[in-house]
């Protein structure tokens, strides 16, 4: 899941949207932006399609719960050692 997120995060449009619109100073995500149709942020970069693609990506990878909009990024300390040191 984390690798999928990092792959998506390479796209400047999505990275900027996550950092400027979704991410807040306290390190928490304001997921209410995914309830609204915030496609105006992507007006010059794909429009509504770019926004819905991002939403669907987050839902399908399990990073964002479709109904509650709760963020579900796993703690890296539990999985990172296994990924970094495959046997």
N, C-alpha and C. Protein backbone atom coordinates (compact mmCIF):
# COMPACT_ATOMS: atom_id res chain seq x y z
N UNK A 1 0.82 -1.19 0.00
CA UNK A 1 0.00 0.00 0.00
C UNK A 1 0.87 1.26 0.00
N UNK A 2 1.88 1.27 0.80
CA UNK A 2 2.77 2.43 0.87
C UNK A 2 3.46 2.66 -0.47
N UNK A 3 3.84 1.58 -1.14
CA UNK A 3 4.49 1.72 -2.45
C UNK A 3 3.54 2.33 -3.47
N UNK A 4 2.27 1.93 -3.43
CA UNK A 4 1.28 2.52 -4.34
C UNK A 4 1.14 4.01 -4.08
N UNK A 5 1.11 4.37 -2.79
CA UNK A 5 0.99 5.78 -2.45
C UNK A 5 2.20 6.57 -2.95
N UNK A 6 3.39 6.03 -2.75
CA UNK A 6 4.59 6.72 -3.22
C UNK A 6 4.61 6.86 -4.73
N UNK A 7 4.12 5.85 -5.43
CA UNK A 7 4.04 5.91 -6.89
C UNK A 7 3.12 7.05 -7.31
N UNK A 8 1.95 7.17 -6.67
CA UNK A 8 1.02 8.24 -6.97
C UNK A 8 1.59 9.59 -6.59
N UNK A 9 2.32 9.63 -5.48
CA UNK A 9 2.85 10.88 -4.95
C UNK A 9 3.93 11.49 -5.86
N UNK A 10 4.46 10.70 -6.79
CA UNK A 10 5.44 11.24 -7.75
C UNK A 10 4.83 12.28 -8.68
N UNK A 11 3.53 12.17 -8.92
CA UNK A 11 2.83 13.11 -9.81
C UNK A 11 2.70 14.45 -9.09
N UNK A 12 3.25 15.50 -9.68
CA UNK A 12 3.27 16.82 -9.04
C UNK A 12 1.87 17.33 -8.72
N UNK A 13 0.88 17.05 -9.57
CA UNK A 13 -0.49 17.52 -9.32
C UNK A 13 -1.02 16.94 -8.02
N UNK A 14 -0.85 15.63 -7.86
CA UNK A 14 -1.38 14.96 -6.68
C UNK A 14 -0.56 15.31 -5.44
N UNK A 15 0.74 15.39 -5.58
CA UNK A 15 1.59 15.74 -4.44
C UNK A 15 1.22 17.11 -3.91
N UNK A 16 1.04 18.07 -4.81
CA UNK A 16 0.68 19.43 -4.40
C UNK A 16 -0.69 19.46 -3.73
N UNK A 17 -1.64 18.72 -4.29
CA UNK A 17 -2.98 18.68 -3.72
C UNK A 17 -2.96 18.07 -2.32
N UNK A 18 -2.24 16.96 -2.16
CA UNK A 18 -2.14 16.31 -0.85
C UNK A 18 -1.46 17.24 0.15
N UNK A 19 -0.37 17.88 -0.26
CA UNK A 19 0.38 18.73 0.67
C UNK A 19 -0.33 20.03 1.00
N UNK A 20 -0.99 20.65 0.01
CA UNK A 20 -1.59 21.96 0.22
C UNK A 20 -3.05 21.92 0.67
N UNK A 21 -3.81 20.97 0.15
CA UNK A 21 -5.25 20.95 0.43
C UNK A 21 -5.63 19.91 1.48
N UNK A 22 -4.98 18.76 1.45
CA UNK A 22 -5.37 17.66 2.33
C UNK A 22 -4.57 17.69 3.64
N UNK A 23 -3.26 17.83 3.53
CA UNK A 23 -2.40 17.84 4.70
C UNK A 23 -2.53 19.12 5.50
N UNK A 24 -2.56 18.98 6.79
CA UNK A 24 -2.65 20.15 7.69
C UNK A 24 -1.39 20.25 8.52
N UNK A 25 -1.22 21.38 9.18
CA UNK A 25 0.00 21.64 9.95
C UNK A 25 0.25 20.63 11.07
N UNK A 26 -0.81 20.05 11.61
CA UNK A 26 -0.65 19.09 12.71
C UNK A 26 -0.29 17.69 12.21
N UNK A 27 -0.11 17.54 10.90
CA UNK A 27 0.27 16.26 10.34
C UNK A 27 -0.90 15.35 10.03
N UNK A 28 -2.10 15.80 10.30
CA UNK A 28 -3.31 15.03 10.02
C UNK A 28 -3.85 15.40 8.64
N UNK A 29 -4.59 14.50 8.06
CA UNK A 29 -5.24 14.77 6.78
C UNK A 29 -6.63 15.32 7.01
N UNK A 30 -7.00 16.34 6.25
CA UNK A 30 -8.38 16.83 6.23
C UNK A 30 -9.06 16.12 5.06
N UNK A 31 -9.66 14.99 5.34
CA UNK A 31 -10.22 14.17 4.28
C UNK A 31 -11.58 14.67 3.80
N UNK A 32 -12.11 15.70 4.44
CA UNK A 32 -13.40 16.24 3.99
C UNK A 32 -13.32 16.76 2.56
N UNK A 33 -12.14 17.11 2.10
CA UNK A 33 -12.00 17.58 0.72
C UNK A 33 -12.38 16.49 -0.27
N UNK A 34 -12.33 15.23 0.15
CA UNK A 34 -12.70 14.14 -0.75
C UNK A 34 -14.21 13.92 -0.79
N UNK A 35 -14.95 14.52 0.14
CA UNK A 35 -16.42 14.48 0.10
C UNK A 35 -16.94 15.43 -0.98
N UNK A 36 -16.33 16.56 -1.06
CA UNK A 36 -16.72 17.58 -2.03
C UNK A 36 -16.14 17.25 -3.39
N UNK A 37 -16.56 17.99 -4.35
CA UNK A 37 -15.96 17.82 -5.67
C UNK A 37 -14.92 18.93 -5.83
N UNK A 38 -13.73 18.67 -5.40
CA UNK A 38 -12.65 19.65 -5.45
C UNK A 38 -11.88 19.59 -6.76
N UNK A 39 -12.58 19.36 -7.83
CA UNK A 39 -11.90 19.27 -9.12
C UNK A 39 -11.40 20.63 -9.58
N UNK A 40 -11.88 21.72 -8.97
CA UNK A 40 -11.40 23.05 -9.38
C UNK A 40 -9.91 23.20 -9.12
N UNK A 41 -9.37 22.46 -8.17
CA UNK A 41 -7.93 22.49 -7.91
C UNK A 41 -7.15 21.99 -9.13
N UNK A 42 -7.75 21.08 -9.87
CA UNK A 42 -7.09 20.46 -11.02
C UNK A 42 -7.55 21.07 -12.34
N UNK A 43 -8.09 22.27 -12.33
CA UNK A 43 -8.66 22.89 -13.53
C UNK A 43 -7.70 22.85 -14.72
N UNK A 44 -6.46 23.20 -14.51
CA UNK A 44 -5.50 23.22 -15.62
C UNK A 44 -4.68 21.94 -15.72
N UNK A 45 -5.04 20.93 -14.94
CA UNK A 45 -4.22 19.71 -14.91
C UNK A 45 -5.08 18.45 -14.86
N UNK A 46 -6.05 18.37 -15.73
CA UNK A 46 -6.85 17.15 -15.80
C UNK A 46 -8.27 17.29 -15.31
N UNK A 47 -8.59 18.37 -14.60
CA UNK A 47 -9.95 18.64 -14.15
C UNK A 47 -10.55 17.57 -13.26
N UNK A 48 -11.85 17.40 -13.41
CA UNK A 48 -12.59 16.46 -12.57
C UNK A 48 -12.06 15.04 -12.67
N UNK A 49 -11.60 14.65 -13.85
CA UNK A 49 -11.08 13.29 -14.04
C UNK A 49 -9.86 13.05 -13.16
N UNK A 50 -8.96 14.02 -13.06
CA UNK A 50 -7.77 13.87 -12.21
C UNK A 50 -8.18 13.73 -10.75
N UNK A 51 -9.17 14.51 -10.32
CA UNK A 51 -9.64 14.44 -8.94
C UNK A 51 -10.28 13.09 -8.64
N UNK A 52 -11.17 12.64 -9.53
CA UNK A 52 -11.83 11.36 -9.28
C UNK A 52 -10.85 10.20 -9.38
N UNK A 53 -9.85 10.31 -10.25
CA UNK A 53 -8.82 9.26 -10.32
C UNK A 53 -8.07 9.17 -9.00
N UNK A 54 -7.74 10.30 -8.40
CA UNK A 54 -7.05 10.31 -7.11
C UNK A 54 -7.93 9.68 -6.03
N UNK A 55 -9.19 10.10 -5.97
CA UNK A 55 -10.11 9.53 -4.98
C UNK A 55 -10.22 8.02 -5.12
N UNK A 56 -10.45 7.56 -6.34
CA UNK A 56 -10.58 6.13 -6.58
C UNK A 56 -9.30 5.38 -6.23
N UNK A 57 -8.17 5.96 -6.55
CA UNK A 57 -6.89 5.34 -6.21
C UNK A 57 -6.77 5.16 -4.70
N UNK A 58 -7.09 6.20 -3.94
CA UNK A 58 -6.99 6.14 -2.48
C UNK A 58 -7.99 5.14 -1.90
N UNK A 59 -9.18 5.05 -2.48
CA UNK A 59 -10.17 4.08 -2.02
C UNK A 59 -9.74 2.66 -2.34
N UNK A 60 -9.32 2.43 -3.58
CA UNK A 60 -8.99 1.07 -4.01
C UNK A 60 -7.75 0.50 -3.35
N UNK A 61 -6.80 1.34 -3.00
CA UNK A 61 -5.60 0.85 -2.32
C UNK A 61 -5.82 0.72 -0.82
N UNK A 62 -6.95 1.20 -0.32
CA UNK A 62 -7.25 1.09 1.10
C UNK A 62 -6.61 2.18 1.94
N UNK A 63 -6.00 3.16 1.31
CA UNK A 63 -5.40 4.27 2.05
C UNK A 63 -6.47 5.13 2.67
N UNK A 64 -7.60 5.26 1.98
CA UNK A 64 -8.71 6.07 2.45
C UNK A 64 -9.99 5.23 2.40
N UNK A 65 -10.70 5.18 3.53
CA UNK A 65 -11.95 4.42 3.58
C UNK A 65 -13.03 5.20 2.83
N UNK A 66 -13.71 4.53 1.92
CA UNK A 66 -14.67 5.20 1.05
C UNK A 66 -15.86 5.79 1.80
N UNK A 67 -16.27 5.16 2.88
CA UNK A 67 -17.47 5.60 3.60
C UNK A 67 -17.15 6.60 4.71
N UNK A 68 -16.16 6.29 5.52
CA UNK A 68 -15.85 7.17 6.65
C UNK A 68 -14.78 8.20 6.31
N UNK A 69 -14.08 8.00 5.21
CA UNK A 69 -12.95 8.84 4.78
C UNK A 69 -11.81 8.84 5.81
N UNK A 70 -11.72 7.77 6.57
CA UNK A 70 -10.63 7.62 7.53
C UNK A 70 -9.36 7.18 6.79
N UNK A 71 -8.23 7.76 7.17
CA UNK A 71 -6.95 7.41 6.57
C UNK A 71 -6.42 6.15 7.22
N UNK A 72 -5.95 5.22 6.40
CA UNK A 72 -5.46 3.94 6.92
C UNK A 72 -4.08 3.63 6.36
N UNK A 73 -3.11 4.46 6.67
CA UNK A 73 -1.74 4.19 6.26
C UNK A 73 -1.10 3.40 7.41
N UNK A 74 -0.60 2.21 7.12
CA UNK A 74 -0.04 1.38 8.21
C UNK A 74 1.22 2.00 8.79
N UNK A 75 1.50 1.64 10.02
CA UNK A 75 2.73 2.07 10.67
C UNK A 75 3.91 1.40 9.97
N UNK A 76 4.88 2.18 9.58
CA UNK A 76 6.01 1.64 8.84
C UNK A 76 6.94 0.80 9.70
N UNK A 77 7.00 1.08 10.99
CA UNK A 77 7.95 0.35 11.83
C UNK A 77 7.66 -1.14 11.88
N UNK A 78 6.41 -1.52 11.62
CA UNK A 78 6.07 -2.93 11.65
C UNK A 78 6.39 -3.67 10.36
N UNK A 79 6.25 -2.98 9.24
CA UNK A 79 6.43 -3.65 7.95
C UNK A 79 7.75 -3.29 7.27
N UNK A 80 8.34 -2.18 7.59
CA UNK A 80 9.55 -1.75 6.89
C UNK A 80 10.71 -2.73 7.01
N UNK A 81 11.00 -3.27 8.19
CA UNK A 81 12.11 -4.22 8.28
C UNK A 81 11.95 -5.41 7.35
N UNK A 82 10.74 -5.92 7.22
CA UNK A 82 10.50 -7.07 6.33
C UNK A 82 10.68 -6.69 4.86
N UNK A 83 10.30 -5.49 4.52
CA UNK A 83 10.43 -5.04 3.13
C UNK A 83 11.87 -4.71 2.82
N UNK A 84 12.57 -4.10 3.76
CA UNK A 84 13.95 -3.69 3.53
C UNK A 84 14.93 -4.86 3.57
N UNK A 85 14.56 -5.93 4.24
CA UNK A 85 15.44 -7.08 4.39
C UNK A 85 14.71 -8.37 4.02
N UNK A 86 14.34 -8.52 2.73
CA UNK A 86 13.61 -9.75 2.34
C UNK A 86 14.54 -10.96 2.44
N UNK A 87 13.99 -12.09 2.82
CA UNK A 87 14.80 -13.30 2.96
C UNK A 87 14.42 -14.33 1.95
